[in-house]
Amino acid sequence: MEDGRYVARAEIPGIDPGKDVDITVRDGRPTIKAERTENEEAKGRSEFRYGSFVRSVMLPAGANEEDIKATYDKGILTVSVAVPALAAPADKHVTVQAAS
């Protein structure tokens, strides 16, 4: 938790976040899918590197699925969702009755 938000981070360098990342939310579970395709050519040879990434996490109780944000900076994908502060449950006092 950071500043009232549940935060998940994933290291996925070398991707284009606009094309290679798909984030969906269903039943309180965000799923992050990313696919990287890298093509390198040099003096008569080509190298292709592929990689896929899929992760799901369960959001904490009270998380607001409508307030989910994602940012990508320096190879780190950060997904956050607002979780309102829940009031601590009140203590229940139990009366002790004396035996007759």
N, C-alpha and C. Protein backbone atom coordinates (compact mmCIF):
# COMPACT_ATOMS: atom_id res chain seq x y z
N MET A 1 0.85 -1.18 0.00
CA MET A 1 0.00 0.00 0.00
C MET A 1 0.89 1.24 0.00
N GLU A 2 0.56 2.16 -0.87
CA GLU A 2 1.25 3.44 -0.93
C GLU A 2 0.21 4.54 -1.13
N ASP A 3 0.14 5.46 -0.21
CA ASP A 3 -0.79 6.59 -0.31
C ASP A 3 -2.22 6.16 -0.62
N GLY A 4 -2.70 5.15 0.08
CA GLY A 4 -4.08 4.69 -0.09
C GLY A 4 -4.32 3.89 -1.36
N ARG A 5 -3.26 3.42 -1.99
CA ARG A 5 -3.39 2.64 -3.22
C ARG A 5 -2.64 1.32 -3.07
N TYR A 6 -3.26 0.26 -3.56
CA TYR A 6 -2.60 -1.04 -3.66
C TYR A 6 -1.72 -0.99 -4.91
N VAL A 7 -0.45 -1.34 -4.79
CA VAL A 7 0.49 -1.18 -5.89
C VAL A 7 1.16 -2.51 -6.23
N ALA A 8 1.19 -2.83 -7.52
CA ALA A 8 1.92 -4.00 -8.01
C ALA A 8 2.89 -3.51 -9.09
N ARG A 9 4.12 -4.02 -9.04
CA ARG A 9 5.13 -3.62 -10.03
C ARG A 9 5.67 -4.87 -10.73
N ALA A 10 6.02 -4.68 -12.01
CA ALA A 10 6.62 -5.76 -12.79
C ALA A 10 7.77 -5.19 -13.60
N GLU A 11 8.89 -5.88 -13.56
CA GLU A 11 10.05 -5.49 -14.37
C GLU A 11 9.90 -6.14 -15.73
N ILE A 12 9.61 -5.34 -16.75
CA ILE A 12 9.49 -5.87 -18.11
C ILE A 12 10.13 -4.88 -19.08
N PRO A 13 11.46 -4.83 -19.09
CA PRO A 13 12.16 -3.89 -19.96
C PRO A 13 12.05 -4.27 -21.43
N GLY A 14 12.23 -3.28 -22.29
CA GLY A 14 12.29 -3.53 -23.72
C GLY A 14 10.96 -3.70 -24.41
N ILE A 15 9.89 -3.22 -23.80
CA ILE A 15 8.58 -3.33 -24.44
C ILE A 15 8.07 -1.95 -24.80
N ASP A 16 7.09 -1.91 -25.68
CA ASP A 16 6.35 -0.69 -25.98
C ASP A 16 5.04 -0.80 -25.20
N PRO A 17 4.88 -0.02 -24.13
CA PRO A 17 3.69 -0.20 -23.28
C PRO A 17 2.38 0.05 -24.01
N GLY A 18 2.39 0.86 -25.06
CA GLY A 18 1.16 1.11 -25.81
C GLY A 18 0.74 -0.06 -26.68
N LYS A 19 1.71 -0.89 -27.10
CA LYS A 19 1.41 -2.01 -28.00
C LYS A 19 1.54 -3.37 -27.33
N ASP A 20 2.46 -3.50 -26.41
CA ASP A 20 2.83 -4.82 -25.91
C ASP A 20 2.22 -5.21 -24.57
N VAL A 21 1.46 -4.31 -23.95
CA VAL A 21 0.89 -4.59 -22.63
C VAL A 21 -0.63 -4.53 -22.69
N ASP A 22 -1.27 -5.52 -22.07
CA ASP A 22 -2.73 -5.54 -21.95
C ASP A 22 -3.06 -5.80 -20.48
N ILE A 23 -3.84 -4.90 -19.89
CA ILE A 23 -4.25 -5.06 -18.49
C ILE A 23 -5.77 -5.15 -18.46
N THR A 24 -6.27 -6.22 -17.87
CA THR A 24 -7.72 -6.40 -17.73
C THR A 24 -8.04 -6.62 -16.25
N VAL A 25 -9.28 -6.33 -15.88
CA VAL A 25 -9.74 -6.56 -14.51
C VAL A 25 -11.05 -7.33 -14.58
N ARG A 26 -11.10 -8.44 -13.84
CA ARG A 26 -12.34 -9.22 -13.78
C ARG A 26 -12.45 -9.83 -12.39
N ASP A 27 -13.60 -9.65 -11.78
CA ASP A 27 -13.89 -10.25 -10.47
C ASP A 27 -12.83 -9.94 -9.42
N GLY A 28 -12.39 -8.67 -9.38
CA GLY A 28 -11.43 -8.26 -8.37
C GLY A 28 -10.02 -8.76 -8.60
N ARG A 29 -9.73 -9.15 -9.83
CA ARG A 29 -8.41 -9.71 -10.14
C ARG A 29 -7.86 -9.06 -11.41
N PRO A 30 -6.91 -8.11 -11.26
CA PRO A 30 -6.27 -7.56 -12.45
C PRO A 30 -5.27 -8.56 -13.03
N THR A 31 -5.26 -8.65 -14.35
CA THR A 31 -4.32 -9.52 -15.05
C THR A 31 -3.49 -8.67 -15.99
N ILE A 32 -2.18 -8.82 -15.89
CA ILE A 32 -1.24 -8.07 -16.72
C ILE A 32 -0.63 -9.06 -17.70
N LYS A 33 -0.76 -8.74 -19.00
CA LYS A 33 -0.14 -9.56 -20.04
C LYS A 33 0.80 -8.67 -20.84
N ALA A 34 2.00 -9.15 -21.07
CA ALA A 34 2.97 -8.39 -21.87
C ALA A 34 3.72 -9.36 -22.77
N GLU A 35 4.03 -8.90 -23.97
CA GLU A 35 4.78 -9.71 -24.92
C GLU A 35 5.87 -8.86 -25.52
N ARG A 36 7.08 -9.39 -25.52
CA ARG A 36 8.20 -8.64 -26.08
C ARG A 36 8.75 -9.40 -27.28
N THR A 37 8.93 -8.65 -28.37
CA THR A 37 9.58 -9.17 -29.56
C THR A 37 10.71 -8.23 -29.88
N GLU A 38 11.91 -8.75 -29.95
CA GLU A 38 13.07 -7.91 -30.21
C GLU A 38 13.82 -8.51 -31.39
N ASN A 39 14.13 -7.68 -32.37
CA ASN A 39 14.82 -8.11 -33.57
C ASN A 39 16.13 -7.35 -33.67
N GLU A 40 17.23 -8.07 -33.80
CA GLU A 40 18.54 -7.43 -33.92
C GLU A 40 19.25 -8.01 -35.13
N GLU A 41 19.70 -7.12 -36.03
CA GLU A 41 20.41 -7.57 -37.22
C GLU A 41 21.79 -6.94 -37.25
N ALA A 42 22.80 -7.75 -37.56
CA ALA A 42 24.16 -7.24 -37.66
C ALA A 42 24.98 -8.14 -38.58
N LYS A 43 25.57 -7.57 -39.60
CA LYS A 43 26.50 -8.25 -40.51
C LYS A 43 26.10 -9.68 -40.85
N GLY A 44 25.02 -9.83 -41.55
CA GLY A 44 24.63 -11.13 -42.05
C GLY A 44 23.97 -12.07 -41.07
N ARG A 45 23.63 -11.60 -39.90
CA ARG A 45 22.93 -12.46 -38.95
C ARG A 45 21.78 -11.70 -38.33
N SER A 46 20.80 -12.43 -37.93
CA SER A 46 19.63 -11.85 -37.26
C SER A 46 19.37 -12.61 -35.97
N GLU A 47 19.01 -11.88 -34.95
CA GLU A 47 18.62 -12.51 -33.69
C GLU A 47 17.23 -12.01 -33.32
N PHE A 48 16.39 -12.93 -32.91
CA PHE A 48 15.05 -12.59 -32.46
C PHE A 48 14.91 -13.07 -31.03
N ARG A 49 14.45 -12.20 -30.17
CA ARG A 49 14.20 -12.58 -28.78
C ARG A 49 12.72 -12.33 -28.49
N TYR A 50 12.10 -13.34 -27.93
CA TYR A 50 10.68 -13.25 -27.60
C TYR A 50 10.51 -13.54 -26.12
N GLY A 51 9.51 -12.97 -25.55
CA GLY A 51 9.21 -13.28 -24.16
C GLY A 51 7.79 -12.84 -23.85
N SER A 52 7.12 -13.63 -23.06
CA SER A 52 5.77 -13.24 -22.64
C SER A 52 5.70 -13.29 -21.12
N PHE A 53 4.77 -12.52 -20.61
CA PHE A 53 4.64 -12.33 -19.17
C PHE A 53 3.16 -12.26 -18.87
N VAL A 54 2.68 -13.04 -17.92
CA VAL A 54 1.28 -12.98 -17.48
C VAL A 54 1.27 -13.12 -15.96
N ARG A 55 0.62 -12.17 -15.31
CA ARG A 55 0.48 -12.22 -13.85
C ARG A 55 -0.91 -11.72 -13.46
N SER A 56 -1.48 -12.37 -12.47
CA SER A 56 -2.76 -11.95 -11.89
C SER A 56 -2.58 -11.82 -10.39
N VAL A 57 -3.25 -10.85 -9.82
CA VAL A 57 -3.24 -10.69 -8.36
C VAL A 57 -4.67 -10.44 -7.90
N MET A 58 -4.95 -10.83 -6.67
CA MET A 58 -6.27 -10.57 -6.09
C MET A 58 -6.21 -9.24 -5.37
N LEU A 59 -7.16 -8.36 -5.67
CA LEU A 59 -7.21 -7.07 -5.00
C LEU A 59 -7.72 -7.22 -3.58
N PRO A 60 -7.28 -6.35 -2.69
CA PRO A 60 -7.79 -6.41 -1.31
C PRO A 60 -9.26 -5.99 -1.26
N ALA A 61 -9.93 -6.39 -0.21
CA ALA A 61 -11.34 -6.02 -0.02
C ALA A 61 -11.48 -4.50 -0.05
N GLY A 62 -12.52 -4.03 -0.72
CA GLY A 62 -12.80 -2.59 -0.78
C GLY A 62 -12.09 -1.87 -1.90
N ALA A 63 -11.24 -2.55 -2.67
CA ALA A 63 -10.52 -1.89 -3.76
C ALA A 63 -11.51 -1.38 -4.80
N ASN A 64 -11.23 -0.20 -5.34
CA ASN A 64 -12.10 0.43 -6.33
C ASN A 64 -11.59 0.10 -7.73
N GLU A 65 -12.19 -0.89 -8.37
CA GLU A 65 -11.77 -1.31 -9.71
C GLU A 65 -11.92 -0.21 -10.75
N GLU A 66 -12.76 0.78 -10.47
CA GLU A 66 -12.94 1.89 -11.41
C GLU A 66 -11.80 2.90 -11.33
N ASP A 67 -10.97 2.81 -10.31
CA ASP A 67 -9.85 3.74 -10.13
C ASP A 67 -8.53 2.98 -10.19
N ILE A 68 -8.27 2.39 -11.35
CA ILE A 68 -7.03 1.65 -11.56
C ILE A 68 -6.17 2.43 -12.54
N LYS A 69 -4.87 2.52 -12.25
CA LYS A 69 -3.95 3.29 -13.09
C LYS A 69 -2.72 2.45 -13.38
N ALA A 70 -2.11 2.71 -14.54
CA ALA A 70 -0.89 2.00 -14.90
C ALA A 70 0.10 2.99 -15.51
N THR A 71 1.37 2.86 -15.12
CA THR A 71 2.43 3.68 -15.69
C THR A 71 3.61 2.76 -16.02
N TYR A 72 4.41 3.21 -16.98
CA TYR A 72 5.60 2.45 -17.38
C TYR A 72 6.76 3.42 -17.43
N ASP A 73 7.81 3.15 -16.65
CA ASP A 73 8.96 4.05 -16.59
C ASP A 73 10.23 3.23 -16.39
N LYS A 74 11.17 3.40 -17.30
CA LYS A 74 12.49 2.75 -17.20
C LYS A 74 12.38 1.23 -17.01
N GLY A 75 11.49 0.61 -17.76
CA GLY A 75 11.36 -0.84 -17.71
C GLY A 75 10.50 -1.39 -16.59
N ILE A 76 9.91 -0.51 -15.79
CA ILE A 76 9.07 -0.95 -14.67
C ILE A 76 7.62 -0.57 -14.95
N LEU A 77 6.75 -1.57 -14.97
CA LEU A 77 5.31 -1.34 -15.10
C LEU A 77 4.74 -1.28 -13.69
N THR A 78 4.03 -0.19 -13.38
CA THR A 78 3.41 -0.03 -12.07
C THR A 78 1.91 0.07 -12.26
N VAL A 79 1.18 -0.80 -11.59
CA VAL A 79 -0.28 -0.80 -11.63
C VAL A 79 -0.76 -0.52 -10.22
N SER A 80 -1.66 0.47 -10.09
CA SER A 80 -2.17 0.80 -8.75
C SER A 80 -3.68 0.95 -8.79
N VAL A 81 -4.30 0.66 -7.67
CA VAL A 81 -5.75 0.78 -7.54
C VAL A 81 -6.07 1.37 -6.17
N ALA A 82 -7.05 2.27 -6.16
CA ALA A 82 -7.44 2.93 -4.91
C ALA A 82 -8.10 1.94 -3.96
N VAL A 83 -7.69 2.03 -2.70
CA VAL A 83 -8.31 1.23 -1.64
C VAL A 83 -8.66 2.20 -0.52
N PRO A 84 -9.96 2.54 -0.40
CA PRO A 84 -10.34 3.48 0.65
C PRO A 84 -10.00 2.93 2.03
N ALA A 85 -9.64 3.84 2.90
CA ALA A 85 -9.36 3.44 4.28
C ALA A 85 -10.64 2.91 4.91
N LEU A 86 -10.55 1.73 5.43
CA LEU A 86 -11.71 1.14 6.08
C LEU A 86 -11.63 1.45 7.57
N ALA A 87 -12.75 1.82 8.12
CA ALA A 87 -12.79 2.09 9.56
C ALA A 87 -12.53 0.79 10.30
N ALA A 88 -11.76 0.88 11.35
CA ALA A 88 -11.49 -0.30 12.16
C ALA A 88 -12.80 -0.75 12.80
N PRO A 89 -13.06 -2.04 12.79
CA PRO A 89 -14.30 -2.51 13.39
C PRO A 89 -14.31 -2.19 14.89
N ALA A 90 -15.48 -1.80 15.36
CA ALA A 90 -15.62 -1.46 16.78
C ALA A 90 -15.54 -2.73 17.62
N ASP A 91 -14.95 -2.59 18.78
CA ASP A 91 -14.88 -3.72 19.70
C ASP A 91 -16.28 -4.01 20.23
N LYS A 92 -16.60 -5.27 20.36
CA LYS A 92 -17.88 -5.65 20.93
C LYS A 92 -17.62 -6.02 22.39
N HIS A 93 -18.34 -5.35 23.26
CA HIS A 93 -18.20 -5.62 24.69
C HIS A 93 -19.20 -6.69 25.09
N VAL A 94 -18.73 -7.63 25.88
CA VAL A 94 -19.57 -8.73 26.34
C VAL A 94 -19.77 -8.56 27.84
N THR A 95 -21.02 -8.58 28.24
CA THR A 95 -21.35 -8.45 29.66
C THR A 95 -21.16 -9.80 30.34
N VAL A 96 -20.49 -9.76 31.47
CA VAL A 96 -20.27 -10.98 32.24
C VAL A 96 -21.36 -11.05 33.30
N GLN A 97 -22.09 -12.14 33.28
CA GLN A 97 -23.16 -12.31 34.27
C GLN A 97 -22.68 -13.25 35.37
N ALA A 98 -22.96 -12.84 36.58
CA ALA A 98 -22.58 -13.66 37.73
C ALA A 98 -23.55 -14.83 37.86
N ALA A 99 -23.04 -15.98 38.25
CA ALA A 99 -23.90 -17.14 38.46
C ALA A 99 -24.75 -16.92 39.71
N SER A 100 -25.96 -17.41 39.70
CA SER A 100 -26.85 -17.23 40.86
C SER A 100 -26.59 -18.25 41.91
